[in-house]
N, C-alpha and C. Protein backbone atom coordinates (compact mmCIF):
# COMPACT_ATOMS: atom_id res chain seq x y z
N MET A 1 -31.66 -27.64 16.70
CA MET A 1 -32.01 -28.14 15.91
C MET A 1 -30.98 -29.27 15.32
N GLU A 2 -30.91 -29.81 14.61
CA GLU A 2 -30.52 -30.83 14.14
C GLU A 2 -29.73 -31.51 13.60
N PRO A 3 -28.53 -32.22 13.39
CA PRO A 3 -26.98 -32.61 12.25
C PRO A 3 -27.84 -32.19 11.59
N THR A 4 -28.86 -32.54 10.57
CA THR A 4 -28.61 -32.10 9.50
C THR A 4 -29.97 -31.11 9.06
N ASP A 5 -29.85 -30.60 9.59
CA ASP A 5 -30.50 -29.31 10.07
C ASP A 5 -28.76 -28.39 9.71
N ASP A 6 -28.40 -28.56 10.78
CA ASP A 6 -26.20 -27.41 10.67
C ASP A 6 -25.91 -28.16 9.37
N HIS A 7 -25.91 -29.44 8.51
CA HIS A 7 -25.04 -29.91 7.44
C HIS A 7 -25.84 -29.29 6.33
N GLN A 8 -26.37 -28.77 6.82
CA GLN A 8 -27.20 -28.12 5.48
C GLN A 8 -26.94 -26.74 6.23
N LEU A 9 -27.30 -25.93 6.56
CA LEU A 9 -26.63 -24.57 7.24
C LEU A 9 -25.16 -24.31 7.30
N ASN A 10 -24.15 -25.19 7.07
CA ASN A 10 -22.66 -25.14 6.85
C ASN A 10 -23.17 -24.89 5.27
N ASN A 11 -23.24 -26.11 4.81
CA ASN A 11 -23.74 -26.03 2.94
C ASN A 11 -24.05 -25.02 2.66
N PHE A 12 -24.86 -24.83 3.08
CA PHE A 12 -25.39 -23.30 2.15
C PHE A 12 -24.34 -21.66 2.78
N MET A 13 -23.96 -21.64 3.92
CA MET A 13 -23.04 -20.40 4.40
C MET A 13 -22.13 -20.84 3.03
N GLN A 14 -21.40 -21.91 2.89
CA GLN A 14 -20.19 -21.64 1.86
C GLN A 14 -21.11 -22.08 0.69
N GLN A 15 -21.54 -21.89 0.06
CA GLN A 15 -21.83 -21.84 -0.92
C GLN A 15 -22.97 -19.84 -1.41
N ILE A 16 -22.85 -19.15 -0.15
CA ILE A 16 -22.83 -18.15 -0.47
C ILE A 16 -21.72 -17.38 -0.17
N GLN A 17 -21.04 -17.83 1.00
CA GLN A 17 -19.01 -17.33 0.66
C GLN A 17 -18.74 -17.40 -0.66
N ALA A 18 -19.08 -18.60 -1.63
CA ALA A 18 -18.22 -18.88 -2.61
C ALA A 18 -18.49 -17.72 -3.78
N GLU A 19 -19.94 -17.50 -3.80
CA GLU A 19 -20.87 -16.81 -4.76
C GLU A 19 -20.37 -15.42 -4.61
N ALA A 20 -20.10 -15.10 -3.11
CA ALA A 20 -19.94 -13.62 -3.23
C ALA A 20 -18.73 -13.53 -3.30
N GLN A 21 -17.20 -14.52 -3.27
CA GLN A 21 -15.92 -14.07 -3.62
C GLN A 21 -15.91 -14.07 -5.13
N LYS A 22 -17.01 -14.76 -6.28
CA LYS A 22 -16.96 -15.24 -7.04
C LYS A 22 -17.03 -13.90 -7.92
N GLN A 23 -18.45 -12.99 -6.66
CA GLN A 23 -18.73 -12.10 -7.52
C GLN A 23 -17.89 -10.85 -7.37
N GLY A 24 -16.98 -11.26 -6.38
CA GLY A 24 -15.91 -9.68 -5.82
C GLY A 24 -14.84 -10.23 -6.96
N LEU A 25 -14.16 -11.18 -7.11
CA LEU A 25 -13.27 -11.32 -8.20
C LEU A 25 -13.84 -10.40 -9.36
N GLN A 26 -15.44 -10.67 -10.23
CA GLN A 26 -15.63 -10.35 -10.79
C GLN A 26 -15.32 -9.02 -10.85
N GLU A 27 -16.31 -8.61 -10.10
CA GLU A 27 -15.91 -6.91 -9.95
C GLU A 27 -14.55 -6.56 -9.93
N GLN A 28 -13.32 -7.28 -9.30
CA GLN A 28 -12.11 -6.53 -9.30
C GLN A 28 -11.37 -6.73 -11.05
N MET A 29 -12.20 -7.87 -11.41
CA MET A 29 -11.82 -7.91 -13.66
C MET A 29 -12.05 -7.01 -13.61
N LEU A 30 -14.05 -6.45 -14.08
CA LEU A 30 -14.49 -5.36 -14.94
C LEU A 30 -13.55 -4.15 -14.04
N SER A 31 -13.06 -3.51 -12.84
CA SER A 31 -12.55 -2.27 -12.71
C SER A 31 -10.64 -2.59 -13.41
N LEU A 32 -10.67 -3.63 -12.89
CA LEU A 32 -8.61 -3.90 -13.91
C LEU A 32 -9.22 -3.35 -15.40
N ASN A 33 -9.77 -4.11 -15.85
CA ASN A 33 -9.94 -3.76 -17.63
C ASN A 33 -10.65 -2.49 -17.38
N SER A 34 -11.54 -1.89 -16.71
CA SER A 34 -11.60 -0.37 -17.13
C SER A 34 -10.49 0.56 -17.12
N ARG A 35 -9.00 0.01 -15.49
CA ARG A 35 -8.77 1.14 -15.57
C ARG A 35 -7.76 0.74 -16.79
N CYS A 36 -6.76 -0.71 -17.27
CA CYS A 36 -5.89 -0.75 -18.46
C CYS A 36 -7.10 -0.27 -19.79
N PHE A 37 -8.09 -0.60 -19.89
CA PHE A 37 -8.60 0.38 -20.59
C PHE A 37 -8.46 2.13 -21.42
N ASP A 38 -8.70 2.43 -20.05
CA ASP A 38 -8.30 4.03 -19.47
C ASP A 38 -6.65 4.59 -20.45
N ILE A 39 -5.84 3.32 -19.76
CA ILE A 39 -4.76 4.45 -19.81
C ILE A 39 -3.86 3.72 -21.25
N CYS A 40 -4.15 2.61 -21.91
CA CYS A 40 -3.49 2.20 -22.59
C CYS A 40 -4.84 3.40 -24.51
N PHE A 41 -6.02 3.26 -23.94
CA PHE A 41 -6.21 4.04 -25.30
C PHE A 41 -6.93 5.16 -24.55
N ALA A 42 -6.13 5.68 -23.64
CA ALA A 42 -6.60 8.01 -23.65
C ALA A 42 -6.85 8.69 -24.58
N ASP A 43 -5.88 8.64 -24.95
CA ASP A 43 -6.10 9.32 -26.22
C ASP A 43 -6.53 9.06 -27.54
N SER A 44 -7.93 8.34 -27.60
CA SER A 44 -8.00 7.88 -28.49
C SER A 44 -9.75 6.94 -28.26
N ARG A 45 -10.21 6.38 -29.20
CA ARG A 45 -11.58 5.54 -29.31
C ARG A 45 -10.49 4.72 -29.58
N PRO A 46 -10.64 2.92 -28.52
CA PRO A 46 -9.84 1.47 -29.54
C PRO A 46 -10.11 1.56 -30.54
N PRO A 47 -9.63 1.33 -31.43
CA PRO A 47 -9.00 0.46 -33.21
C PRO A 47 -10.38 -0.61 -33.06
N SER A 48 -10.57 -0.42 -34.41
CA SER A 48 -11.53 -1.16 -34.91
C SER A 48 -10.68 -3.27 -34.46
N LYS A 49 -9.42 -3.35 -34.91
CA LYS A 49 -8.61 -4.36 -34.54
C LYS A 49 -7.36 -3.79 -33.47
N MET A 50 -7.12 -5.02 -32.56
CA MET A 50 -5.81 -4.66 -31.52
C MET A 50 -5.04 -4.36 -32.12
N ASP A 51 -3.94 -3.68 -32.51
CA ASP A 51 -2.54 -3.77 -32.68
C ASP A 51 -1.70 -3.83 -31.93
N GLY A 52 -0.27 -4.63 -32.07
CA GLY A 52 0.38 -5.20 -31.32
C GLY A 52 0.76 -4.45 -30.71
N LYS A 53 0.51 -2.57 -30.27
CA LYS A 53 1.18 -1.92 -29.70
C LYS A 53 -0.18 -2.04 -28.16
N SER A 54 -1.45 -1.68 -28.85
CA SER A 54 -2.43 -2.05 -27.75
C SER A 54 -2.68 -3.51 -27.03
N GLN A 55 -2.09 -4.18 -27.79
CA GLN A 55 -2.27 -5.50 -26.88
C GLN A 55 -0.98 -6.08 -25.72
N THR A 56 -0.08 -5.57 -26.22
CA THR A 56 1.23 -4.81 -25.37
C THR A 56 0.65 -3.89 -23.93
N CYS A 57 0.57 -3.14 -24.66
CA CYS A 57 -0.10 -2.07 -23.80
C CYS A 57 -1.00 -2.95 -22.02
N LEU A 58 -2.10 -3.49 -22.77
CA LEU A 58 -3.15 -4.20 -21.92
C LEU A 58 -1.92 -4.95 -20.90
N ALA A 59 -1.50 -5.91 -21.55
CA ALA A 59 -0.91 -7.24 -21.12
C ALA A 59 -0.15 -6.76 -19.93
N ASN A 60 0.54 -5.42 -20.46
CA ASN A 60 1.89 -4.84 -18.93
C ASN A 60 0.90 -4.21 -18.17
N CYS A 61 -0.25 -3.48 -18.21
CA CYS A 61 -0.90 -2.39 -17.68
C CYS A 61 -1.38 -4.46 -16.18
N VAL A 62 -1.71 -5.01 -17.00
CA VAL A 62 -2.96 -6.51 -16.24
C VAL A 62 -1.27 -6.68 -14.94
N ASN A 63 -0.45 -7.21 -16.10
CA ASN A 63 0.47 -7.39 -15.55
C ASN A 63 0.64 -6.94 -13.72
N ARG A 64 0.92 -5.43 -14.21
CA ARG A 64 2.01 -4.60 -12.87
C ARG A 64 0.70 -4.19 -12.30
N ILE A 65 -0.78 -4.31 -12.53
CA ILE A 65 -1.92 -4.24 -11.48
C ILE A 65 -1.40 -5.46 -10.73
N PHE A 66 -1.73 -6.66 -10.89
CA PHE A 66 -1.13 -8.20 -10.30
C PHE A 66 0.18 -8.05 -9.42
N ASP A 67 1.34 -7.18 -9.99
CA ASP A 67 2.34 -7.60 -9.15
C ASP A 67 2.15 -6.31 -7.94
N ALA A 68 1.40 -5.33 -8.38
CA ALA A 68 1.55 -3.85 -7.12
C ALA A 68 0.47 -5.07 -6.45
N LYS A 69 -0.61 -5.64 -6.70
CA LYS A 69 -2.09 -6.30 -5.92
C LYS A 69 -1.26 -7.40 -4.56
N GLN A 70 0.30 -8.10 -5.64
CA GLN A 70 0.45 -9.06 -4.84
C GLN A 70 1.57 -8.61 -3.54
N PHE A 71 2.19 -7.86 -4.18
CA PHE A 71 3.31 -7.10 -3.56
C PHE A 71 3.07 -6.58 -1.94
N MET A 72 1.30 -6.14 -2.76
CA MET A 72 0.45 -5.64 -1.03
C MET A 72 0.40 -6.68 -0.47
N PHE A 73 -0.01 -7.72 -0.46
CA PHE A 73 -0.86 -8.58 0.08
C PHE A 73 0.31 -9.24 0.93
N GLU A 74 1.52 -9.45 0.40
CA GLU A 74 2.68 -10.04 0.86
C GLU A 74 3.67 -8.86 1.89
N HIS A 75 2.93 -7.68 1.76
CA HIS A 75 3.67 -6.97 2.87
C HIS A 75 2.76 -7.08 4.01
N LEU A 76 1.46 -6.84 3.52
CA LEU A 76 0.78 -6.98 4.89
C LEU A 76 0.43 -8.19 4.97
N GLN A 77 1.17 -8.91 4.60
CA GLN A 77 0.90 -10.56 5.19
C GLN A 77 2.55 -10.67 6.17
N LYS A 78 2.89 -10.25 5.93
CA LYS A 78 4.75 -10.18 6.62
C LYS A 78 4.26 -8.88 7.66
N SER A 79 3.51 -7.58 7.95
CA SER A 79 3.85 -6.97 9.02
C SER A 79 2.29 -7.03 9.96
N SER A 80 1.35 -8.36 9.27
CA SER A 80 0.34 -8.18 10.85
C SER A 80 1.01 -9.37 11.44
N PRO A 81 0.00 -9.75 12.48
CA PRO A 81 0.33 -10.21 12.74
C PRO A 81 -0.12 -11.74 12.32
N ALA A 82 0.32 -13.22 12.75
CA ALA A 82 -0.32 -14.70 12.05
C ALA A 82 -1.49 -14.36 11.84
N GLY A 83 -2.14 -15.08 10.81
CA GLY A 83 -3.43 -15.38 10.47
C GLY A 83 -4.75 -13.97 11.00
N ALA A 84 -3.75 -12.59 10.87
CA ALA A 84 -4.73 -11.53 10.39
C ALA A 84 -5.46 -11.56 9.28
N ILE A 85 -4.66 -12.19 7.89
CA ILE A 85 -4.94 -11.86 6.97
C ILE A 85 -5.74 -13.01 6.33
């Protein structure tokens, strides 16, 4: 393989990885939205207009999930061998 072929292959692989990361992030956001929506509007259909209580519930839900994920990530980093994550 020629150096330009290697370079093109590396660029292609980087693009594939970037797209996979983007897709993973989009899937996480969809899951997060769905979970928080179910929590904040569990008892009824969502109103046609968001009130302050609903906005606060959604914001708190998203923040708590992010906090939990951050906590788990940091815990895994501390408890795993260097470079494993």
